[in-house]
Amino acid sequence: MLKIRPIINSGVDEIFGFKTCCGARAFDQNLELLLTNQGPTPLTIPSHCDLETDRGPERVDYLMPHGPQRIGPGETRAFYCQMDDSRWRRVTRIVFYDTQGRSYAADLKPEPNRAGT
């Protein structure tokens, strides 16, 4: 069992954020995805997920950190990415996969400003 907890505008940008000497942003991550392994065995989760929207599924394959992440029983790992607010409002479900081909989904609660509410 994998618990998925998305946090939009979590302040992770402030944690990662720093400016180069030219003033360009090095990181602009505003979506934090906390994954907690609630099962008895380790899981290995690749650094991508699918967002289910009214337009169908959309793959997000630019999660940080890159590459598969091992999550032991009871452990939590975080993935980060930049997410456009208008795209995020259309998301109704997030699906992650493990390297064994199993899927883990989290339904998003309706919020004010989400499409259709």
PDB file of N, CA and C in Angstrom:
ATOM      1  N   MET A   1       0.848  -1.177   0.000  1.00  0.00           N
ATOM      2  CA  MET A   1       0.000   0.000   0.000  1.00  0.00           C
ATOM      3  C   MET A   1       0.892   1.239   0.000  1.00  0.00           C
ATOM      4  N   LEU A   2       0.600   2.151  -0.888  1.00  0.00           N
ATOM      5  CA  LEU A   2       1.367   3.384  -0.995  1.00  0.00           C
ATOM      6  C   LEU A   2       0.425   4.560  -0.781  1.00  0.00           C
ATOM      7  N   LYS A   3       0.690   5.338   0.240  1.00  0.00           N
ATOM      8  CA  LYS A   3      -0.099   6.547   0.500  1.00  0.00           C
ATOM      9  C   LYS A   3       0.543   7.692  -0.266  1.00  0.00           C
ATOM     10  N   ILE A   4      -0.267   8.415  -1.018  1.00  0.00           N
ATOM     11  CA  ILE A   4       0.212   9.537  -1.833  1.00  0.00           C
ATOM     12  C   ILE A   4      -0.420  10.807  -1.290  1.00  0.00           C
ATOM     13  N   ARG A   5       0.432  11.753  -0.937  1.00  0.00           N
ATOM     14  CA  ARG A   5      -0.059  13.030  -0.393  1.00  0.00           C
ATOM     15  C   ARG A   5       0.531  14.179  -1.205  1.00  0.00           C
ATOM     16  N   PRO A   6      -0.267  14.785  -2.092  1.00  0.00           N
ATOM     17  CA  PRO A   6       0.227  15.939  -2.852  1.00  0.00           C
ATOM     18  C   PRO A   6       0.069  17.224  -2.053  1.00  0.00           C
ATOM     19  N   ILE A   7       1.067  18.089  -2.155  1.00  0.00           N
ATOM     20  CA  ILE A   7       1.015  19.392  -1.501  1.00  0.00           C
ATOM     21  C   ILE A   7       1.397  20.438  -2.542  1.00  0.00           C
ATOM     22  N   ILE A   8       0.420  21.182  -3.012  1.00  0.00           N
ATOM     23  CA  ILE A   8       0.681  22.219  -4.015  1.00  0.00           C
ATOM     24  C   ILE A   8       1.071  23.501  -3.282  1.00  0.00           C
ATOM     25  N   ASN A   9       2.009  24.225  -3.848  1.00  0.00           N
ATOM     26  CA  ASN A   9       2.518  25.468  -3.256  1.00  0.00           C
ATOM     27  C   ASN A   9       2.936  25.259  -1.807  1.00  0.00           C
ATOM     28  N   SER A  10       3.709  24.209  -1.584  1.00  0.00           N
ATOM     29  CA  SER A  10       4.064  23.791  -0.232  1.00  0.00           C
ATOM     30  C   SER A  10       5.189  24.602   0.393  1.00  0.00           C
ATOM     31  N   GLY A  11       5.787  25.483  -0.358  1.00  0.00           N
ATOM     32  CA  GLY A  11       6.933  26.213   0.153  1.00  0.00           C
ATOM     33  C   GLY A  11       8.239  25.525  -0.195  1.00  0.00           C
ATOM     34  N   VAL A  12       8.152  24.400  -0.899  1.00  0.00           N
ATOM     35  CA  VAL A  12       9.383  23.698  -1.283  1.00  0.00           C
ATOM     36  C   VAL A  12      10.228  24.580  -2.196  1.00  0.00           C
ATOM     37  N   ASP A  13       9.580  25.460  -2.936  1.00  0.00           N
ATOM     38  CA  ASP A  13      10.319  26.387  -3.787  1.00  0.00           C
ATOM     39  C   ASP A  13      11.263  27.233  -2.945  1.00  0.00           C
ATOM     40  N   GLU A  14      10.813  27.633  -1.769  1.00  0.00           N
ATOM     41  CA  GLU A  14      11.670  28.431  -0.883  1.00  0.00           C
ATOM     42  C   GLU A  14      12.825  27.603  -0.343  1.00  0.00           C
ATOM     43  N   ILE A  15      12.563  26.313  -0.111  1.00  0.00           N
ATOM     44  CA  ILE A  15      13.624  25.439   0.385  1.00  0.00           C
ATOM     45  C   ILE A  15      14.677  25.221  -0.701  1.00  0.00           C
ATOM     46  N   PHE A  16      14.220  24.864  -1.906  1.00  0.00           N
ATOM     47  CA  PHE A  16      15.143  24.604  -3.007  1.00  0.00           C
ATOM     48  C   PHE A  16      15.626  25.884  -3.674  1.00  0.00           C
ATOM     49  N   GLY A  17      14.781  26.914  -3.612  1.00  0.00           N
ATOM     50  CA  GLY A  17      15.013  28.097  -4.404  1.00  0.00           C
ATOM     51  C   GLY A  17      16.293  28.831  -4.039  1.00  0.00           C
ATOM     52  N   PHE A  18      17.010  29.159  -5.041  1.00  0.00           N
ATOM     53  CA  PHE A  18      18.130  30.066  -4.888  1.00  0.00           C
ATOM     54  C   PHE A  18      18.356  30.691  -6.252  1.00  0.00           C
ATOM     55  N   LYS A  19      19.023  31.758  -6.267  1.00  0.00           N
ATOM     56  CA  LYS A  19      19.238  32.464  -7.522  1.00  0.00           C
ATOM     57  C   LYS A  19      20.686  32.318  -7.952  1.00  0.00           C
ATOM     58  N   THR A  20      20.857  32.206  -9.234  1.00  0.00           N
ATOM     59  CA  THR A  20      22.217  32.177  -9.753  1.00  0.00           C
ATOM     60  C   THR A  20      22.745  33.603  -9.782  1.00  0.00           C
ATOM     61  N   CYS A  21      23.965  33.763 -10.156  1.00  0.00           N
ATOM     62  CA  CYS A  21      24.542  35.106 -10.200  1.00  0.00           C
ATOM     63  C   CYS A  21      23.813  35.994 -11.205  1.00  0.00           C
ATOM     64  N   CYS A  22      23.134  35.391 -12.172  1.00  0.00           N
ATOM     65  CA  CYS A  22      22.419  36.163 -13.186  1.00  0.00           C
ATOM     66  C   CYS A  22      20.969  36.424 -12.807  1.00  0.00           C
ATOM     67  N   GLY A  23      20.507  35.870 -11.680  1.00  0.00           N
ATOM     68  CA  GLY A  23      19.143  36.093 -11.239  1.00  0.00           C
ATOM     69  C   GLY A  23      18.142  35.087 -11.774  1.00  0.00           C
ATOM     70  N   ALA A  24      18.559  34.098 -12.547  1.00  0.00           N
ATOM     71  CA  ALA A  24      17.630  33.092 -13.059  1.00  0.00           C
ATOM     72  C   ALA A  24      17.338  32.075 -11.967  1.00  0.00           C
ATOM     73  N   ARG A  25      16.131  31.575 -11.928  1.00  0.00           N
ATOM     74  CA  ARG A  25      15.759  30.583 -10.924  1.00  0.00           C
ATOM     75  C   ARG A  25      16.410  29.256 -11.267  1.00  0.00           C
ATOM     76  N   ALA A  26      16.980  28.632 -10.290  1.00  0.00           N
ATOM     77  CA  ALA A  26      17.572  27.315 -10.497  1.00  0.00           C
ATOM     78  C   ALA A  26      16.523  26.227 -10.328  1.00  0.00           C
ATOM     79  N   PHE A  27      15.596  26.418  -9.402  1.00  0.00           N
ATOM     80  CA  PHE A  27      14.520  25.472  -9.179  1.00  0.00           C
ATOM     81  C   PHE A  27      13.230  26.272  -9.042  1.00  0.00           C
ATOM     82  N   ASP A  28      12.155  25.751  -9.581  1.00  0.00           N
ATOM     83  CA  ASP A  28      10.864  26.404  -9.423  1.00  0.00           C
ATOM     84  C   ASP A  28       9.814  25.356  -9.073  1.00  0.00           C
ATOM     85  N   GLN A  29      10.185  24.466  -8.190  1.00  0.00           N
ATOM     86  CA  GLN A  29       9.312  23.368  -7.798  1.00  0.00           C
ATOM     87  C   GLN A  29       8.205  23.891  -6.884  1.00  0.00           C
ATOM     88  N   ASN A  30       6.947  23.651  -7.251  1.00  0.00           N
ATOM     89  CA  ASN A  30       5.848  24.105  -6.412  1.00  0.00           C
ATOM     90  C   ASN A  30       4.892  22.977  -6.027  1.00  0.00           C
ATOM     91  N   LEU A  31       5.189  21.741  -6.476  1.00  0.00           N
ATOM     92  CA  LEU A  31       4.363  20.601  -6.094  1.00  0.00           C
ATOM     93  C   LEU A  31       5.240  19.564  -5.411  1.00  0.00           C
ATOM     94  N   GLU A  32       4.860  19.225  -4.206  1.00  0.00           N
ATOM     95  CA  GLU A  32       5.555  18.198  -3.429  1.00  0.00           C
ATOM     96  C   GLU A  32       4.625  16.992  -3.343  1.00  0.00           C
ATOM     97  N   LEU A  33       5.154  15.819  -3.659  1.00  0.00           N
ATOM     98  CA  LEU A  33       4.385  14.581  -3.608  1.00  0.00           C
ATOM     99  C   LEU A  33       5.037  13.662  -2.582  1.00  0.00           C
ATOM    100  N   LEU A  34       4.372  13.467  -1.457  1.00  0.00           N
ATOM    101  CA  LEU A  34       4.905  12.621  -0.399  1.00  0.00           C
ATOM    102  C   LEU A  34       4.332  11.219  -0.566  1.00  0.00           C
ATOM    103  N   LEU A  35       5.202  10.231  -0.685  1.00  0.00           N
ATOM    104  CA  LEU A  35       4.802   8.840  -0.853  1.00  0.00           C
ATOM    105  C   LEU A  35       5.246   8.055   0.372  1.00  0.00           C
ATOM    106  N   THR A  36       4.299   7.429   1.054  1.00  0.00           N
ATOM    107  CA  THR A  36       4.586   6.646   2.248  1.00  0.00           C
ATOM    108  C   THR A  36       4.245   5.187   1.989  1.00  0.00           C
ATOM    109  N   ASN A  37       5.212   4.323   2.195  1.00  0.00           N
ATOM    110  CA  ASN A  37       5.009   2.889   2.039  1.00  0.00           C
ATOM    111  C   ASN A  37       4.332   2.365   3.300  1.00  0.00           C
ATOM    112  N   GLN A  38       3.066   2.002   3.184  1.00  0.00           N
ATOM    113  CA  GLN A  38       2.313   1.489   4.327  1.00  0.00           C
ATOM    114  C   GLN A  38       2.268  -0.035   4.337  1.00  0.00           C
ATOM    115  N   GLY A  39       3.025  -0.655   3.449  1.00  0.00           N
ATOM    116  CA  GLY A  39       3.051  -2.110   3.375  1.00  0.00           C
ATOM    117  C   GLY A  39       4.244  -2.701   4.095  1.00  0.00           C
ATOM    118  N   PRO A  40       4.342  -4.051   4.099  1.00  0.00           N
ATOM    119  CA  PRO A  40       5.401  -4.735   4.839  1.00  0.00           C
ATOM    120  C   PRO A  40       6.695  -4.956   4.050  1.00  0.00           C
ATOM    121  N   THR A  41       6.702  -4.655   2.762  1.00  0.00           N
ATOM    122  CA  THR A  41       7.895  -4.885   1.949  1.00  0.00           C
ATOM    123  C   THR A  41       8.317  -3.600   1.241  1.00  0.00           C
ATOM    124  N   PRO A  42       9.599  -3.465   0.910  1.00  0.00           N
ATOM    125  CA  PRO A  42      10.062  -2.270   0.196  1.00  0.00           C
ATOM    126  C   PRO A  42       9.416  -2.157  -1.187  1.00  0.00           C
ATOM    127  N   LEU A  43       9.255  -0.926  -1.635  1.00  0.00           N
ATOM    128  CA  LEU A  43       8.765  -0.628  -2.976  1.00  0.00           C
ATOM    129  C   LEU A  43       9.816   0.200  -3.690  1.00  0.00           C
ATOM    130  N   THR A  44       9.916   0.013  -4.986  1.00  0.00           N
ATOM    131  CA  THR A  44      10.763   0.873  -5.804  1.00  0.00           C
ATOM    132  C   THR A  44       9.858   1.609  -6.773  1.00  0.00           C
ATOM    133  N   ILE A  45       9.880   2.935  -6.676  1.00  0.00           N
ATOM    134  CA  ILE A  45       8.970   3.795  -7.430  1.00  0.00           C
ATOM    135  C   ILE A  45       9.767   4.628  -8.423  1.00  0.00           C
ATOM    136  N   PRO A  46       9.502   4.481  -9.737  1.00  0.00           N
ATOM    137  CA  PRO A  46      10.158   5.338 -10.733  1.00  0.00           C
ATOM    138  C   PRO A  46       9.715   6.797 -10.575  1.00  0.00           C
ATOM    139  N   SER A  47      10.488   7.693 -11.145  1.00  0.00           N
ATOM    140  CA  SER A  47      10.235   9.135 -10.981  1.00  0.00           C
ATOM    141  C   SER A  47       9.285   9.674 -12.049  1.00  0.00           C
ATOM    142  N   HIS A  48       8.113   9.060 -12.118  1.00  0.00           N
ATOM    143  CA  HIS A  48       7.047   9.588 -12.974  1.00  0.00           C
ATOM    144  C   HIS A  48       5.707   9.187 -12.377  1.00  0.00           C
ATOM    145  N   CYS A  49       4.667   9.893 -12.794  1.00  0.00           N
ATOM    146  CA  CYS A  49       3.309   9.559 -12.371  1.00  0.00           C
ATOM    147  C   CYS A  49       2.357   9.992 -13.469  1.00  0.00           C
ATOM    148  N   ASP A  50       1.119   9.551 -13.354  1.00  0.00           N
ATOM    149  CA  ASP A  50       0.068   9.983 -14.270  1.00  0.00           C
ATOM    150  C   ASP A  50      -0.927  10.835 -13.501  1.00  0.00           C
ATOM    151  N   LEU A  51      -1.346  11.910 -14.127  1.00  0.00           N
ATOM    152  CA  LEU A  51      -2.398  12.765 -13.595  1.00  0.00           C
ATOM    153  C   LEU A  51      -3.650  12.485 -14.397  1.00  0.00           C
ATOM    154  N   GLU A  52      -4.709  12.082 -13.739  1.00  0.00           N
ATOM    155  CA  GLU A  52      -5.969  11.860 -14.434  1.00  0.00           C
ATOM    156  C   GLU A  52      -6.763  13.154 -14.394  1.00  0.00           C
ATOM    157  N   THR A  53      -7.219  13.566 -15.581  1.00  0.00           N
ATOM    158  CA  THR A  53      -7.962  14.813 -15.721  1.00  0.00           C
ATOM    159  C   THR A  53      -9.192  14.573 -16.576  1.00  0.00           C
ATOM    160  N   ASP A  54     -10.005  15.614 -16.738  1.00  0.00           N
ATOM    161  CA  ASP A  54     -11.170  15.512 -17.613  1.00  0.00           C
ATOM    162  C   ASP A  54     -10.764  15.327 -19.075  1.00  0.00           C
ATOM    163  N   ARG A  55      -9.520  15.550 -19.384  1.00  0.00           N
ATOM    164  CA  ARG A  55      -8.998  15.374 -20.751  1.00  0.00           C
ATOM    165  C   ARG A  55      -8.294  14.030 -20.931  1.00  0.00           C
ATOM    166  N   GLY A  56      -8.325  13.199 -19.891  1.00  0.00           N
ATOM    167  CA  GLY A  56      -7.635  11.913 -19.933  1.00  0.00           C
ATOM    168  C   GLY A  56      -6.354  11.971 -19.130  1.00  0.00           C
ATOM    169  N   PRO A  57      -5.612  10.860 -19.109  1.00  0.00           N
ATOM    170  CA  PRO A  57      -4.377  10.831 -18.316  1.00  0.00           C
ATOM    171  C   PRO A  57      -3.264  11.654 -18.960  1.00  0.00           C
ATOM    172  N   GLU A  58      -2.465  12.271 -18.108  1.00  0.00           N
ATOM    173  CA  GLU A  58      -1.303  13.050 -18.561  1.00  0.00           C
ATOM    174  C   GLU A  58      -0.094  12.568 -17.772  1.00  0.00           C
ATOM    175  N   ARG A  59       0.946  12.157 -18.463  1.00  0.00           N
ATOM    176  CA  ARG A  59       2.166  11.658 -17.813  1.00  0.00           C
ATOM    177  C   ARG A  59       3.024  12.829 -17.358  1.00  0.00           C
ATOM    178  N   VAL A  60       3.518  12.752 -16.136  1.00  0.00           N
ATOM    179  CA  VAL A  60       4.504  13.690 -15.610  1.00  0.00           C
ATOM    180  C   VAL A  60       5.787  12.888 -15.436  1.00  0.00           C
ATOM    181  N   ASP A  61       6.761  13.144 -16.298  1.00  0.00           N
ATOM    182  CA  ASP A  61       7.997  12.355 -16.273  1.00  0.00           C
ATOM    183  C   ASP A  61       9.216  13.199 -15.922  1.00  0.00           C
ATOM    184  N   TYR A  62       8.968  14.300 -15.235  1.00  0.00           N
ATOM    185  CA  TYR A  62      10.063  15.196 -14.861  1.00  0.00           C
ATOM    186  C   TYR A  62      10.126  15.408 -13.344  1.00  0.00           C
ATOM    187  N   LEU A  63       9.781  14.363 -12.594  1.00  0.00           N
ATOM    188  CA  LEU A  63       9.835  14.465 -11.133  1.00  0.00           C
ATOM    189  C   LEU A  63      11.276  14.441 -10.653  1.00  0.00           C
ATOM    190  N   MET A  64      11.517  15.167  -9.569  1.00  0.00           N
ATOM    191  CA  MET A  64      12.826  15.146  -8.905  1.00  0.00           C
ATOM    192  C   MET A  64      12.636  14.442  -7.574  1.00  0.00           C
ATOM    193  N   PRO A  65      13.538  13.628  -7.111  1.00  0.00           N
ATOM    194  CA  PRO A  65      14.778  13.253  -7.776  1.00  0.00           C
ATOM    195  C   PRO A  65      14.498  12.284  -8.934  1.00  0.00           C
ATOM    196  N   HIS A  66      15.393  12.303  -9.893  1.00  0.00           N
ATOM    197  CA  HIS A  66      15.254  11.449 -11.068  1.00  0.00           C
ATOM    198  C   HIS A  66      15.641  10.022 -10.717  1.00  0.00           C
ATOM    199  N   GLY A  67      15.030   9.096 -11.403  1.00  0.00           N
ATOM    200  CA  GLY A  67      15.368   7.694 -11.226  1.00  0.00           C
ATOM    201  C   GLY A  67      14.516   7.019 -10.171  1.00  0.00           C
ATOM    202  N   PRO A  68      14.586   5.697 -10.131  1.00  0.00           N
ATOM    203  CA  PRO A  68      13.783   4.938  -9.169  1.00  0.00           C
ATOM    204  C   PRO A  68      14.207   5.227  -7.735  1.00  0.00           C
ATOM    205  N   GLN A  69      13.213   5.278  -6.854  1.00  0.00           N
ATOM    206  CA  GLN A  69      13.454   5.541  -5.440  1.00  0.00           C
ATOM    207  C   GLN A  69      12.935   4.361  -4.628  1.00  0.00           C
ATOM    208  N   ARG A  70      13.786   3.818  -3.777  1.00  0.00           N
ATOM    209  CA  ARG A  70      13.391   2.709  -2.906  1.00  0.00           C
ATOM    210  C   ARG A  70      12.751   3.294  -1.654  1.00  0.00           C
ATOM    211  N   ILE A  71      11.569   2.758  -1.312  1.00  0.00           N
ATOM    212  CA  ILE A  71      10.846   3.212  -0.125  1.00  0.00           C
ATOM    213  C   ILE A  71      10.605   1.989   0.757  1.00  0.00           C
ATOM    214  N   GLY A  72      11.270   1.938   1.889  1.00  0.00           N
ATOM    215  CA  GLY A  72      11.110   0.829   2.816  1.00  0.00           C
ATOM    216  C   GLY A  72       9.790   0.913   3.563  1.00  0.00           C
ATOM    217  N   PRO A  73       9.392  -0.174   4.222  1.00  0.00           N
ATOM    218  CA  PRO A  73       8.153  -0.162   5.001  1.00  0.00           C
ATOM    219  C   PRO A  73       8.174   0.968   6.035  1.00  0.00           C
ATOM    220  N   GLY A  74       7.112   1.757   6.050  1.00  0.00           N
ATOM    221  CA  GLY A  74       6.998   2.864   6.996  1.00  0.00           C
ATOM    222  C   GLY A  74       7.743   4.124   6.595  1.00  0.00           C
ATOM    223  N   GLU A  75       8.506   4.066   5.511  1.00  0.00           N
ATOM    224  CA  GLU A  75       9.283   5.244   5.080  1.00  0.00           C
ATOM    225  C   GLU A  75       8.476   6.129   4.138  1.00  0.00           C
ATOM    226  N   THR A  76       8.863   7.387   4.115  1.00  0.00           N
ATOM    227  CA  THR A  76       8.264   8.367   3.211  1.00  0.00           C
ATOM    228  C   THR A  76       9.358   8.956   2.334  1.00  0.00           C
ATOM    229  N   ARG A  77       9.089   9.074   1.060  1.00  0.00           N
ATOM    230  CA  ARG A  77       9.979   9.747   0.113  1.00  0.00           C
ATOM    231  C   ARG A  77       9.178  10.859  -0.550  1.00  0.00           C
ATOM    232  N   ALA A  78       9.875  11.889  -0.962  1.00  0.00           N
ATOM    233  CA  ALA A  78       9.223  13.019  -1.619  1.00  0.00           C
ATOM    234  C   ALA A  78       9.723  13.148  -3.045  1.00  0.00           C
ATOM    235  N   PHE A  79       8.799  13.441  -3.928  1.00  0.00           N
ATOM    236  CA  PHE A  79       9.107  13.833  -5.295  1.00  0.00           C
ATOM    237  C   PHE A  79       8.641  15.276  -5.444  1.00  0.00           C
ATOM    238  N   TYR A  80       9.292  15.993  -6.367  1.00  0.00           N
ATOM    239  CA  TYR A  80       8.991  17.405  -6.580  1.00  0.00           C
ATOM    240  C   TYR A  80       8.906  17.693  -8.072  1.00  0.00           C
ATOM    241  N   CYS A  81       8.066  18.670  -8.419  1.00  0.00           N
ATOM    242  CA  CYS A  81       8.018  19.135  -9.807  1.00  0.00           C
ATOM    243  C   CYS A  81       7.368  20.512  -9.845  1.00  0.00           C
ATOM    244  N   GLN A  82       7.417  21.115 -10.997  1.00  0.00           N
ATOM    245  CA  GLN A  82       6.742  22.380 -11.234  1.00  0.00           C
ATOM    246  C   GLN A  82       5.392  22.045 -11.846  1.00  0.00           C
ATOM    247  N   MET A  83       4.330  22.646 -11.330  1.00  0.00           N
ATOM    248  CA  MET A  83       2.995  22.368 -11.826  1.00  0.00           C
ATOM    249  C   MET A  83       2.247  23.677 -12.053  1.00  0.00           C
ATOM    250  N   ASP A  84       1.748  23.834 -13.248  1.00  0.00           N
ATOM    251  CA  ASP A  84       0.940  24.989 -13.609  1.00  0.00           C
ATOM    252  C   ASP A  84      -0.403  24.916 -12.879  1.00  0.00           C
ATOM    253  N   ASP A  85      -0.835  26.021 -12.293  1.00  0.00           N
ATOM    254  CA  ASP A  85      -2.079  26.040 -11.527  1.00  0.00           C
ATOM    255  C   ASP A  85      -3.287  25.603 -12.351  1.00  0.00           C
ATOM    256  N   SER A  86      -3.375  26.036 -13.597  1.00  0.00           N
ATOM    257  CA  SER A  86      -4.536  25.663 -14.409  1.00  0.00           C
ATOM    258  C   SER A  86      -4.523  24.163 -14.717  1.00  0.00           C
ATOM    259  N   ARG A  87      -3.364  23.597 -14.902  1.00  0.00           N
ATOM    260  CA  ARG A  87      -3.266  22.148 -15.121  1.00  0.00           C
ATOM    261  C   ARG A  87      -3.633  21.412 -13.832  1.00  0.00           C
ATOM    262  N   TRP A  88      -3.129  21.869 -12.705  1.00  0.00           N
ATOM    263  CA  TRP A  88      -3.389  21.225 -11.422  1.00  0.00           C
ATOM    264  C   TRP A  88      -4.878  21.207 -11.083  1.00  0.00           C
ATOM    265  N   ARG A  89      -5.596  22.273 -11.408  1.00  0.00           N
ATOM    266  CA  ARG A  89      -7.025  22.344 -11.109  1.00  0.00           C
ATOM    267  C   ARG A  89      -7.822  21.263 -11.838  1.00  0.00           C
ATOM    268  N   ARG A  90      -7.322  20.758 -12.954  1.00  0.00           N
ATOM    269  CA  ARG A  90      -8.017  19.714 -13.719  1.00  0.00           C
ATOM    270  C   ARG A  90      -7.751  18.304 -13.192  1.00  0.00           C
ATOM    271  N   VAL A  91      -6.780  18.156 -12.303  1.00  0.00           N
ATOM    272  CA  VAL A  91      -6.392  16.824 -11.833  1.00  0.00           C
ATOM    273  C   VAL A  91      -7.411  16.297 -10.825  1.00  0.00           C
ATOM    274  N   THR A  92      -7.889  15.079 -11.066  1.00  0.00           N
ATOM    275  CA  THR A  92      -8.821  14.431 -10.143  1.00  0.00           C
ATOM    276  C   THR A  92      -8.190  13.243  -9.432  1.00  0.00           C
ATOM    277  N   ARG A  93      -7.087  12.745  -9.996  1.00  0.00           N
ATOM    278  CA  ARG A  93      -6.446  11.560  -9.425  1.00  0.00           C
ATOM    279  C   ARG A  93      -4.981  11.529  -9.840  1.00  0.00           C
ATOM    280  N   ILE A  94      -4.128  11.029  -8.929  1.00  0.00           N
ATOM    281  CA  ILE A  94      -2.700  10.850  -9.209  1.00  0.00           C
ATOM    282  C   ILE A  94      -2.400   9.360  -9.106  1.00  0.00           C
ATOM    283  N   VAL A  95      -1.650   8.842 -10.086  1.00  0.00           N
ATOM    284  CA  VAL A  95      -1.314   7.422 -10.094  1.00  0.00           C
ATOM    285  C   VAL A  95       0.205   7.262 -10.191  1.00  0.00           C
ATOM    286  N   PHE A  96       0.775   6.534  -9.236  1.00  0.00           N
ATOM    287  CA  PHE A  96       2.179   6.140  -9.271  1.00  0.00           C
ATOM    288  C   PHE A  96       2.247   4.646  -9.542  1.00  0.00           C
ATOM    289  N   TYR A  97       3.402   4.186  -9.971  1.00  0.00           N
ATOM    290  CA  TYR A  97       3.619   2.783 -10.298  1.00  0.00           C
ATOM    291  C   TYR A  97       4.891   2.311  -9.609  1.00  0.00           C
ATOM    292  N   ASP A  98       4.950   1.022  -9.296  1.00  0.00           N
ATOM    293  CA  ASP A  98       6.211   0.482  -8.808  1.00  0.00           C
ATOM    294  C   ASP A  98       6.883  -0.303  -9.932  1.00  0.00           C
ATOM    295  N   THR A  99       8.091  -0.742  -9.696  1.00  0.00           N
ATOM    296  CA  THR A  99       8.847  -1.440 -10.740  1.00  0.00           C
ATOM    297  C   THR A  99       8.316  -2.846 -10.996  1.00  0.00           C
ATOM    298  N   GLN A 100       7.362  -3.298 -10.189  1.00  0.00           N
ATOM    299  CA  GLN A 100       6.723  -4.600 -10.396  1.00  0.00           C
ATOM    300  C   GLN A 100       5.445  -4.473 -11.230  1.00  0.00           C
ATOM    301  N   GLY A 101       5.111  -3.253 -11.665  1.00  0.00           N
ATOM    302  CA  GLY A 101       3.944  -3.038 -12.509  1.00  0.00           C
ATOM    303  C   GLY A 101       2.651  -2.761 -11.764  1.00  0.00           C
ATOM    304  N   ARG A 102       2.709  -2.659 -10.450  1.00  0.00           N
ATOM    305  CA  ARG A 102       1.505  -2.342  -9.679  1.00  0.00           C
ATOM    306  C   ARG A 102       1.276  -0.838  -9.664  1.00  0.00           C
ATOM    307  N   SER A 103       0.005  -0.445  -9.623  1.00  0.00           N
ATOM    308  CA  SER A 103      -0.330   0.982  -9.588  1.00  0.00           C
ATOM    309  C   SER A 103      -0.906   1.352  -8.225  1.00  0.00           C
ATOM    310  N   TYR A 104      -0.699   2.620  -7.868  1.00  0.00           N
ATOM    311  CA  TYR A 104      -1.163   3.174  -6.601  1.00  0.00           C
ATOM    312  C   TYR A 104      -1.771   4.533  -6.909  1.00  0.00           C
ATOM    313  N   ALA A 105      -3.020   4.725  -6.514  1.00  0.00           N
ATOM    314  CA  ALA A 105      -3.715   5.957  -6.880  1.00  0.00           C
ATOM    315  C   ALA A 105      -4.196   6.713  -5.652  1.00  0.00           C
ATOM    316  N   ALA A 106      -4.313   8.010  -5.821  1.00  0.00           N
ATOM    317  CA  ALA A 106      -4.892   8.877  -4.801  1.00  0.00           C
ATOM    318  C   ALA A 106      -5.884   9.804  -5.480  1.00  0.00           C
ATOM    319  N   ASP A 107      -7.126   9.753  -5.014  1.00  0.00           N
ATOM    320  CA  ASP A 107      -8.136  10.684  -5.503  1.00  0.00           C
ATOM    321  C   ASP A 107      -7.934  12.018  -4.809  1.00  0.00           C
ATOM    322  N   LEU A 108      -8.077  13.090  -5.565  1.00  0.00           N
ATOM    323  CA  LEU A 108      -7.946  14.425  -4.979  1.00  0.00           C
ATOM    324  C   LEU A 108      -9.306  14.913  -4.542  1.00  0.00           C
ATOM    325  N   LYS A 109      -9.337  15.528  -3.392  1.00  0.00           N
ATOM    326  CA  LYS A 109     -10.579  16.095  -2.894  1.00  0.00           C
ATOM    327  C   LYS A 109     -10.904  17.341  -3.712  1.00  0.00           C
ATOM    328  N   PRO A 110     -12.187  17.534  -4.011  1.00  0.00           N
ATOM    329  CA  PRO A 110     -12.558  18.755  -4.705  1.00  0.00           C
ATOM    330  C   PRO A 110     -12.192  19.980  -3.866  1.00  0.00           C
ATOM    331  N   GLU A 111     -11.661  20.981  -4.512  1.00  0.00           N
ATOM    332  CA  GLU A 111     -11.302  22.228  -3.852  1.00  0.00           C
ATOM    333  C   GLU A 111     -11.950  23.379  -4.577  1.00  0.00           C
ATOM    334  N   PRO A 112     -12.178  24.481  -3.893  1.00  0.00           N
ATOM    335  CA  PRO A 112     -12.589  25.669  -4.628  1.00  0.00           C
ATOM    336  C   PRO A 112     -11.508  25.967  -5.668  1.00  0.00           C
ATOM    337  N   ASN A 113     -11.862  26.445  -6.777  1.00  0.00           N
ATOM    338  CA  ASN A 113     -10.971  26.764  -7.893  1.00  0.00           C
ATOM    339  C   ASN A 113     -10.639  25.543  -8.737  1.00  0.00           C
ATOM    340  N   ARG A 114     -11.055  24.337  -8.360  1.00  0.00           N
ATOM    341  CA  ARG A 114     -10.849  23.172  -9.236  1.00  0.00           C
ATOM    342  C   ARG A 114     -11.906  23.233 -10.318  1.00  0.00           C
ATOM    343  N   ALA A 115     -11.583  22.752 -11.477  1.00  0.00           N
ATOM    344  CA  ALA A 115     -12.533  22.763 -12.593  1.00  0.00           C
ATOM    345  C   ALA A 115     -13.818  22.048 -12.184  1.00  0.00           C
ATOM    346  N   GLY A 116     -14.941  22.641 -12.508  1.00  0.00           N
ATOM    347  CA  GLY A 116     -16.227  22.016 -12.242  1.00  0.00           C
ATOM    348  C   GLY A 116     -16.760  22.228 -10.841  1.00  0.00           C
ATOM    349  N   THR A 117     -16.077  22.992 -10.022  1.00  0.00           N
ATOM    350  CA  THR A 117     -16.595  23.205  -8.666  1.00  0.00           C
ATOM    351  C   THR A 117     -16.899  24.664  -8.457  1.00  0.00           C
TER     352      THR A 117
END
